[in-house]
Amino acid sequence: MTVLPMNTAVTARAARPWHLSDHARLLIVWFALLVIPFLAPNAYVVSLANMMFINIILIASLNLLMGYGGQISLGHAGFYGLGAYVSGVLGVKFGLSAWVGLPAAALITGLAALLIGIPVLRLRGLYLSMATLGWNAILVVLFNRLVDITGGPNGLLGVRPFSFGDFALDNDFRQFPLVWLVALLVMLAILNFLRSRIGRAVRAVATNELGADAVGIDSFRTKLLVFVLTAGMAGIAGSLYVHVNQFASPETFSVSSSILLVVMVAIGGSGSFWGPILGAAIYTAVPQVLLDYEDAELMLFGLAMLIVLIISPTGLAGIPSALRRRFARRAA
């Protein structure tokens, strides 16, 4: 009689010495992306790469909230904008360094999420979505109306870039290592969070909230924690955005942007660690490809997203596993 090992995961790794951990895979992918400035034909491509890393932070944080936490938020672009304006205003109006604005953006955005999350997270499903959408709409109105602080519809001007003394990160090539590094740290933080006890609690609450409560998990506090954490990450992305572009406009953080971010989570693969990378690449590159089709841009973008979701409901990140299952069934 064959006795099966108790720990099949460890046995599988021992049987496959080439197996790489998710941490190792992430580092390999990120160091491969480090060559972009050396291979890019011009600064414009590097600027798109910078925006892709910022979008990775933004979409990965929303994926943590939606894909793993089970909470649908239509206000993530609002937190993104709040982080951008907090960091930008601290620099423009108060003369503070961008290095001060970055943690301040994360802190204040997280605090705002805490204040909103306490009443809002008692709602579920469609009601939660509508509440977060309303929060995003309120922020956009404030960004437009507080002209003396935010610059209003004309945008926030005069934002200074990150700098090390007299060495300013004022061009795309100089900014690339910073956004590359911050995006890597955020992805590592998410990966470690998911493997932690709290991360397992988040997934348990998303799977069965009543069951999680029954085994001693405080579902409301768990949902509030992940809501605040992901809002802080969006604030970090906003701070990077405003200091990299040295400008912020309310249009960037509109409700439609929040909806598009939700779509990107679904296309990349909701609940997949690698999905946000694919979603961010699409979110950054596709609008640039469709610039020549200005009148039909939205229609073509929507059609492409619809095709992807029909072919692979689990998103682009789910295609490899779907193909493996198909080949396994054929082989069987």
Protein backbone atom coordinates (compact mmCIF):
# COMPACT_ATOMS: atom_id res chain seq x y z
CA MET A 1 0.00 0.00 0.00
CA THR A 2 1.30 3.42 -0.94
CA VAL A 3 1.21 5.98 1.87
CA LEU A 4 0.61 9.56 0.75
CA PRO A 5 2.85 12.24 2.37
CA MET A 6 1.26 14.56 4.90
CA ASN A 7 2.58 17.76 3.33
CA THR A 8 1.95 17.43 -0.40
CA ALA A 9 3.07 21.02 -1.14
CA VAL A 10 6.51 20.45 0.38
CA THR A 11 6.80 17.07 -1.38
CA ALA A 12 5.87 18.65 -4.70
CA ARG A 13 8.58 21.28 -4.30
CA ALA A 14 11.11 18.63 -3.35
CA ALA A 15 10.18 16.64 -6.46
CA ARG A 16 10.60 19.77 -8.60
CA PRO A 17 13.92 21.39 -7.70
CA TRP A 18 13.32 24.01 -10.39
CA HIS A 19 10.24 25.30 -8.61
CA LEU A 20 10.46 29.02 -7.86
CA SER A 21 8.62 30.82 -5.08
CA ASP A 22 6.36 33.77 -5.87
CA HIS A 23 8.95 36.09 -4.31
CA ALA A 24 11.65 34.79 -6.67
CA ARG A 25 9.35 35.06 -9.69
CA LEU A 26 8.45 38.63 -8.77
CA LEU A 27 12.10 39.62 -8.47
CA ILE A 28 12.94 37.98 -11.80
CA VAL A 29 10.10 39.81 -13.55
CA TRP A 30 11.00 43.14 -11.94
CA PHE A 31 14.70 42.95 -12.73
CA ALA A 32 13.79 42.04 -16.31
CA LEU A 33 11.69 45.23 -16.47
CA LEU A 34 14.69 47.20 -15.26
CA VAL A 35 16.14 47.11 -18.78
CA ILE A 36 13.31 49.20 -20.25
CA PRO A 37 15.22 52.54 -20.19
CA PHE A 38 18.14 50.90 -21.99
CA LEU A 39 15.99 49.37 -24.73
CA ALA A 40 13.43 52.16 -25.10
CA PRO A 41 13.78 54.06 -28.40
CA ASN A 42 12.84 57.40 -26.80
CA ALA A 43 11.81 59.14 -23.60
CA TYR A 44 8.11 58.76 -24.42
CA VAL A 45 8.30 54.97 -24.02
CA VAL A 46 10.08 55.43 -20.69
CA SER A 47 7.31 57.81 -19.54
CA LEU A 48 4.74 55.12 -20.39
CA ALA A 49 6.77 52.62 -18.36
CA ASN A 50 6.75 55.04 -15.42
CA MET A 51 2.98 55.33 -15.64
CA MET A 52 2.66 51.56 -15.93
CA PHE A 53 4.45 51.08 -12.59
CA ILE A 54 2.23 53.69 -10.95
CA ASN A 55 -0.82 51.95 -12.41
CA ILE A 56 0.46 48.61 -11.09
CA ILE A 57 0.38 50.04 -7.56
CA LEU A 58 -3.10 51.40 -8.14
CA ILE A 59 -4.61 48.27 -9.69
CA ALA A 60 -2.80 45.86 -7.35
CA SER A 61 -4.22 47.70 -4.35
CA LEU A 62 -7.74 47.56 -5.82
CA ASN A 63 -7.23 43.87 -6.62
CA LEU A 64 -6.32 43.28 -2.97
CA LEU A 65 -9.58 44.97 -1.95
CA MET A 66 -11.80 43.34 -4.59
CA GLY A 67 -10.17 40.11 -5.67
CA TYR A 68 -9.04 38.99 -2.23
CA GLY A 69 -11.20 41.08 0.10
CA GLY A 70 -14.46 40.69 -1.81
CA GLN A 71 -15.37 44.40 -1.54
CA ILE A 72 -16.36 46.23 -4.72
CA SER A 73 -15.20 49.84 -4.62
CA LEU A 74 -16.01 52.46 -7.23
CA GLY A 75 -14.08 55.16 -5.40
CA HIS A 76 -10.49 54.02 -5.77
CA ALA A 77 -9.61 56.79 -8.23
CA GLY A 78 -10.83 59.22 -5.58
CA PHE A 79 -8.25 57.94 -3.08
CA TYR A 80 -5.68 58.10 -5.87
CA GLY A 81 -6.56 61.74 -6.46
CA LEU A 82 -6.60 62.56 -2.75
CA GLY A 83 -3.06 61.23 -2.41
CA ALA A 84 -1.97 63.24 -5.44
CA TYR A 85 -3.45 66.51 -4.18
CA VAL A 86 -2.23 66.03 -0.61
CA SER A 87 1.34 65.47 -1.75
CA GLY A 88 1.20 68.15 -4.45
CA VAL A 89 -0.39 70.82 -2.24
CA LEU A 90 2.13 70.19 0.56
CA GLY A 91 4.86 70.95 -1.93
CA VAL A 92 3.27 73.86 -3.81
CA LYS A 93 1.57 75.69 -0.94
CA PHE A 94 3.81 74.79 2.00
CA GLY A 95 7.17 74.19 0.31
CA LEU A 96 7.58 70.70 1.75
CA SER A 97 9.73 68.09 0.03
CA ALA A 98 8.14 65.40 -2.11
CA TRP A 99 9.72 62.89 0.27
CA VAL A 100 7.48 64.33 2.99
CA GLY A 101 4.46 64.37 0.70
CA LEU A 102 4.76 60.66 -0.14
CA PRO A 103 4.16 59.26 3.39
CA ALA A 104 1.76 62.13 4.15
CA ALA A 105 -0.35 61.13 1.14
CA ALA A 106 -0.50 57.51 2.31
CA LEU A 107 -1.30 58.54 5.89
CA ILE A 108 -4.04 61.08 5.11
CA THR A 109 -5.61 58.87 2.45
CA GLY A 110 -5.66 55.96 4.86
CA LEU A 111 -7.19 58.18 7.54
CA ALA A 112 -9.90 59.33 5.12
CA ALA A 113 -10.62 55.68 4.26
CA LEU A 114 -10.92 54.90 7.97
CA LEU A 115 -13.46 57.69 8.52
CA ILE A 116 -15.50 56.67 5.51
CA GLY A 117 -15.09 52.94 5.98
CA ILE A 118 -16.63 52.86 9.46
CA PRO A 119 -20.15 53.70 8.18
CA VAL A 120 -19.79 52.56 4.55
CA LEU A 121 -18.43 49.04 5.12
CA ARG A 122 -21.58 48.11 7.00
CA LEU A 123 -23.18 48.09 3.55
CA ARG A 124 -22.80 45.23 1.11
CA GLY A 125 -22.88 44.57 -2.60
CA LEU A 126 -24.51 47.21 -4.76
CA TYR A 127 -25.06 49.57 -1.81
CA LEU A 128 -21.35 49.53 -0.96
CA SER A 129 -20.49 50.24 -4.60
CA MET A 130 -22.87 53.20 -4.72
CA ALA A 131 -21.52 54.62 -1.46
CA THR A 132 -17.91 54.51 -2.67
CA LEU A 133 -18.96 55.98 -6.02
CA GLY A 134 -20.57 58.87 -4.15
CA TRP A 135 -17.35 59.40 -2.18
CA ASN A 136 -15.42 59.63 -5.44
CA ALA A 137 -17.91 62.15 -6.85
CA ILE A 138 -17.63 64.31 -3.71
CA LEU A 139 -13.83 64.37 -3.99
CA VAL A 140 -13.94 65.38 -7.65
CA VAL A 141 -16.27 68.26 -6.77
CA LEU A 142 -13.86 69.39 -4.05
CA PHE A 143 -10.89 69.16 -6.41
CA ASN A 144 -12.75 71.45 -8.81
CA ARG A 145 -14.23 73.89 -6.29
CA LEU A 146 -11.27 74.48 -3.94
CA VAL A 147 -9.56 76.63 -6.53
CA ASP A 148 -7.23 78.43 -4.09
CA ILE A 149 -5.85 75.11 -2.90
CA THR A 150 -6.11 72.66 -5.79
CA GLY A 151 -6.06 75.02 -8.77
CA GLY A 152 -9.61 74.00 -9.70
CA PRO A 153 -10.40 72.75 -13.22
CA ASN A 154 -7.10 74.17 -14.48
CA GLY A 155 -5.20 71.71 -12.32
CA LEU A 156 -2.45 71.97 -9.73
CA LEU A 157 0.60 73.65 -11.25
CA GLY A 158 4.16 74.12 -10.04
CA VAL A 159 4.59 70.70 -8.41
CA ARG A 160 8.25 69.92 -7.82
CA PRO A 161 9.72 66.48 -8.61
CA PHE A 162 11.48 64.18 -6.20
CA SER A 163 15.10 65.15 -5.65
CA PHE A 164 18.26 64.19 -3.81
CA GLY A 165 19.69 67.53 -2.81
CA ASP A 166 20.37 69.42 -6.03
CA PHE A 167 19.85 66.30 -8.14
CA ALA A 168 16.23 66.48 -9.26
CA LEU A 169 14.38 63.53 -10.75
CA ASP A 170 12.97 65.83 -13.39
CA ASN A 171 12.99 63.62 -16.48
CA ASP A 172 11.61 60.21 -17.38
CA PHE A 173 14.93 58.37 -17.18
CA ARG A 174 15.73 59.71 -13.72
CA GLN A 175 12.23 58.96 -12.44
CA PHE A 176 12.19 55.38 -13.66
CA PRO A 177 14.28 53.78 -10.85
CA LEU A 178 12.09 55.42 -8.20
CA VAL A 179 8.72 54.24 -9.53
CA TRP A 180 10.25 50.83 -10.35
CA LEU A 181 11.44 50.44 -6.76
CA VAL A 182 8.27 51.70 -5.07
CA ALA A 183 6.10 49.41 -7.23
CA LEU A 184 8.34 46.46 -6.32
CA LEU A 185 8.09 47.24 -2.61
CA VAL A 186 4.29 47.51 -2.82
CA MET A 187 4.00 44.19 -4.67
CA LEU A 188 6.27 42.51 -2.12
CA ALA A 189 4.19 44.00 0.70
CA ILE A 190 0.99 42.65 -0.87
CA LEU A 191 2.53 39.21 -1.35
CA ASN A 192 3.69 39.06 2.27
CA PHE A 193 0.33 40.37 3.48
CA LEU A 194 -1.54 37.63 1.62
CA ARG A 195 0.67 34.98 3.23
CA SER A 196 0.19 36.40 6.72
CA ARG A 197 -2.47 35.47 9.28
CA ILE A 198 -4.36 38.70 8.53
CA GLY A 199 -4.22 37.98 4.80
CA ARG A 200 -5.75 34.56 5.36
CA ALA A 201 -8.44 36.20 7.49
CA VAL A 202 -9.21 38.63 4.66
CA ARG A 203 -9.78 35.76 2.24
CA ALA A 204 -11.84 33.88 4.79
CA VAL A 205 -14.14 36.89 5.26
CA ALA A 206 -14.48 37.31 1.48
CA THR A 207 -15.36 33.62 1.09
CA ASN A 208 -17.85 33.30 3.95
CA GLU A 209 -18.33 36.21 6.32
CA LEU A 210 -20.63 34.31 8.69
CA GLY A 211 -18.25 31.38 8.78
CA ALA A 212 -15.33 33.70 9.52
CA ASP A 213 -17.25 35.26 12.41
CA ALA A 214 -18.03 31.79 13.71
CA VAL A 215 -14.35 30.89 14.01
CA GLY A 216 -13.46 34.10 15.84
CA ILE A 217 -12.50 36.47 12.99
CA ASP A 218 -13.85 40.00 13.38
CA SER A 219 -15.12 40.42 9.83
CA PHE A 220 -15.88 44.15 10.09
CA ARG A 221 -12.44 45.05 11.46
CA THR A 222 -10.83 42.83 8.84
CA LYS A 223 -12.73 44.56 6.02
CA LEU A 224 -11.93 47.97 7.47
CA LEU A 225 -8.24 47.10 7.71
CA VAL A 226 -7.92 46.06 4.08
CA PHE A 227 -9.99 49.09 2.98
CA VAL A 228 -7.65 51.49 4.80
CA LEU A 229 -4.53 49.66 3.63
CA THR A 230 -5.50 49.69 -0.04
CA ALA A 231 -6.53 53.36 0.14
CA GLY A 232 -3.08 54.17 1.54
CA MET A 233 -1.50 52.34 -1.40
CA ALA A 234 -3.64 54.37 -3.79
CA GLY A 235 -2.39 57.49 -1.99
CA ILE A 236 1.21 56.39 -2.64
CA ALA A 237 0.39 55.96 -6.33
CA GLY A 238 -1.18 59.44 -6.35
CA SER A 239 1.91 61.00 -4.77
CA LEU A 240 4.15 59.37 -7.37
CA TYR A 241 1.82 60.50 -10.14
CA VAL A 242 1.75 64.17 -9.16
CA HIS A 243 5.52 64.47 -8.65
CA VAL A 244 6.41 62.49 -11.77
CA ASN A 245 4.05 64.52 -13.99
CA GLN A 246 4.45 67.71 -11.91
CA PHE A 247 0.75 68.37 -12.45
CA ALA A 248 -2.64 67.09 -11.31
CA SER A 249 -6.07 67.58 -12.86
CA PRO A 250 -9.48 66.56 -11.44
CA GLU A 251 -10.34 64.77 -14.69
CA THR A 252 -7.70 62.11 -13.98
CA PHE A 253 -9.49 61.01 -10.80
CA SER A 254 -13.08 60.96 -12.04
CA VAL A 255 -15.74 58.34 -11.38
CA SER A 256 -15.20 56.93 -14.87
CA SER A 257 -11.55 56.32 -13.95
CA SER A 258 -12.69 54.32 -10.91
CA ILE A 259 -14.98 52.21 -13.09
CA LEU A 260 -12.19 51.61 -15.58
CA LEU A 261 -9.87 50.50 -12.77
CA VAL A 262 -12.46 47.89 -11.71
CA VAL A 263 -12.58 46.68 -15.31
CA MET A 264 -8.78 46.43 -15.40
CA VAL A 265 -8.81 44.29 -12.26
CA ALA A 266 -11.28 41.94 -13.98
CA ILE A 267 -9.34 41.83 -17.24
CA GLY A 268 -5.99 41.21 -15.54
CA GLY A 269 -7.50 38.57 -13.28
CA SER A 270 -9.41 39.38 -10.11
CA GLY A 271 -7.89 37.56 -7.15
CA SER A 272 -4.69 36.79 -9.06
CA PHE A 273 -1.41 38.19 -7.81
CA TRP A 274 -0.09 38.64 -11.38
CA GLY A 275 -3.32 40.04 -12.80
CA PRO A 276 -2.65 43.70 -11.85
CA ILE A 277 0.59 43.70 -13.85
CA LEU A 278 -1.29 42.66 -16.99
CA GLY A 279 -4.16 45.01 -16.22
CA ALA A 280 -1.80 47.94 -15.70
CA ALA A 281 0.00 47.22 -18.97
CA ILE A 282 -3.32 47.30 -20.83
CA TYR A 283 -4.55 50.35 -18.91
CA THR A 284 -1.37 52.22 -19.90
CA ALA A 285 -0.75 51.03 -23.46
CA VAL A 286 -4.15 50.54 -25.10
CA PRO A 287 -5.29 54.21 -24.92
CA GLN A 288 -2.02 55.19 -26.61
CA VAL A 289 -2.58 52.66 -29.39
CA LEU A 290 -6.11 53.95 -29.97
CA LEU A 291 -5.15 57.64 -30.17
CA ASP A 292 -5.52 57.56 -33.95
CA TYR A 293 -9.12 56.37 -33.52
CA GLU A 294 -10.26 59.21 -31.29
CA ASP A 295 -13.93 59.03 -32.29
CA ALA A 296 -14.13 55.26 -31.83
CA GLU A 297 -11.59 54.94 -29.01
CA LEU A 298 -14.05 54.15 -26.25
CA MET A 299 -16.00 51.69 -28.42
CA LEU A 300 -12.86 49.79 -29.50
CA PHE A 301 -11.54 49.74 -25.95
CA GLY A 302 -14.82 48.35 -24.63
CA LEU A 303 -15.03 45.77 -27.43
CA ALA A 304 -11.50 44.54 -26.73
CA MET A 305 -12.25 44.21 -23.00
CA LEU A 306 -15.48 42.34 -23.74
CA ILE A 307 -13.67 39.85 -25.98
CA VAL A 308 -11.03 39.17 -23.33
CA LEU A 309 -13.62 38.53 -20.61
CA ILE A 310 -15.67 36.23 -22.88
CA ILE A 311 -12.61 34.17 -23.84
CA SER A 312 -11.25 34.03 -20.28
CA PRO A 313 -13.70 34.94 -17.47
CA THR A 314 -10.81 34.64 -14.99
CA GLY A 315 -8.88 37.34 -16.85
CA LEU A 316 -5.59 37.24 -18.70
CA ALA A 317 -3.75 35.83 -15.70
CA GLY A 318 -6.09 32.82 -15.72
CA ILE A 319 -5.37 31.81 -19.32
CA PRO A 320 -2.23 29.67 -18.57
CA SER A 321 -3.99 27.63 -15.88
CA ALA A 322 -7.06 27.23 -18.13
CA LEU A 323 -4.84 25.90 -20.94
CA ARG A 324 -3.10 23.49 -18.55
CA ARG A 325 -6.45 22.12 -17.39
CA ARG A 326 -7.59 21.69 -20.97
CA PHE A 327 -4.44 19.82 -21.96
CA ALA A 328 -4.71 17.69 -18.81
CA ARG A 329 -8.27 16.71 -19.69
CA ARG A 330 -7.22 15.79 -23.22
CA ALA A 331 -4.32 13.75 -21.93
CA ALA A 332 -6.62 11.96 -19.49
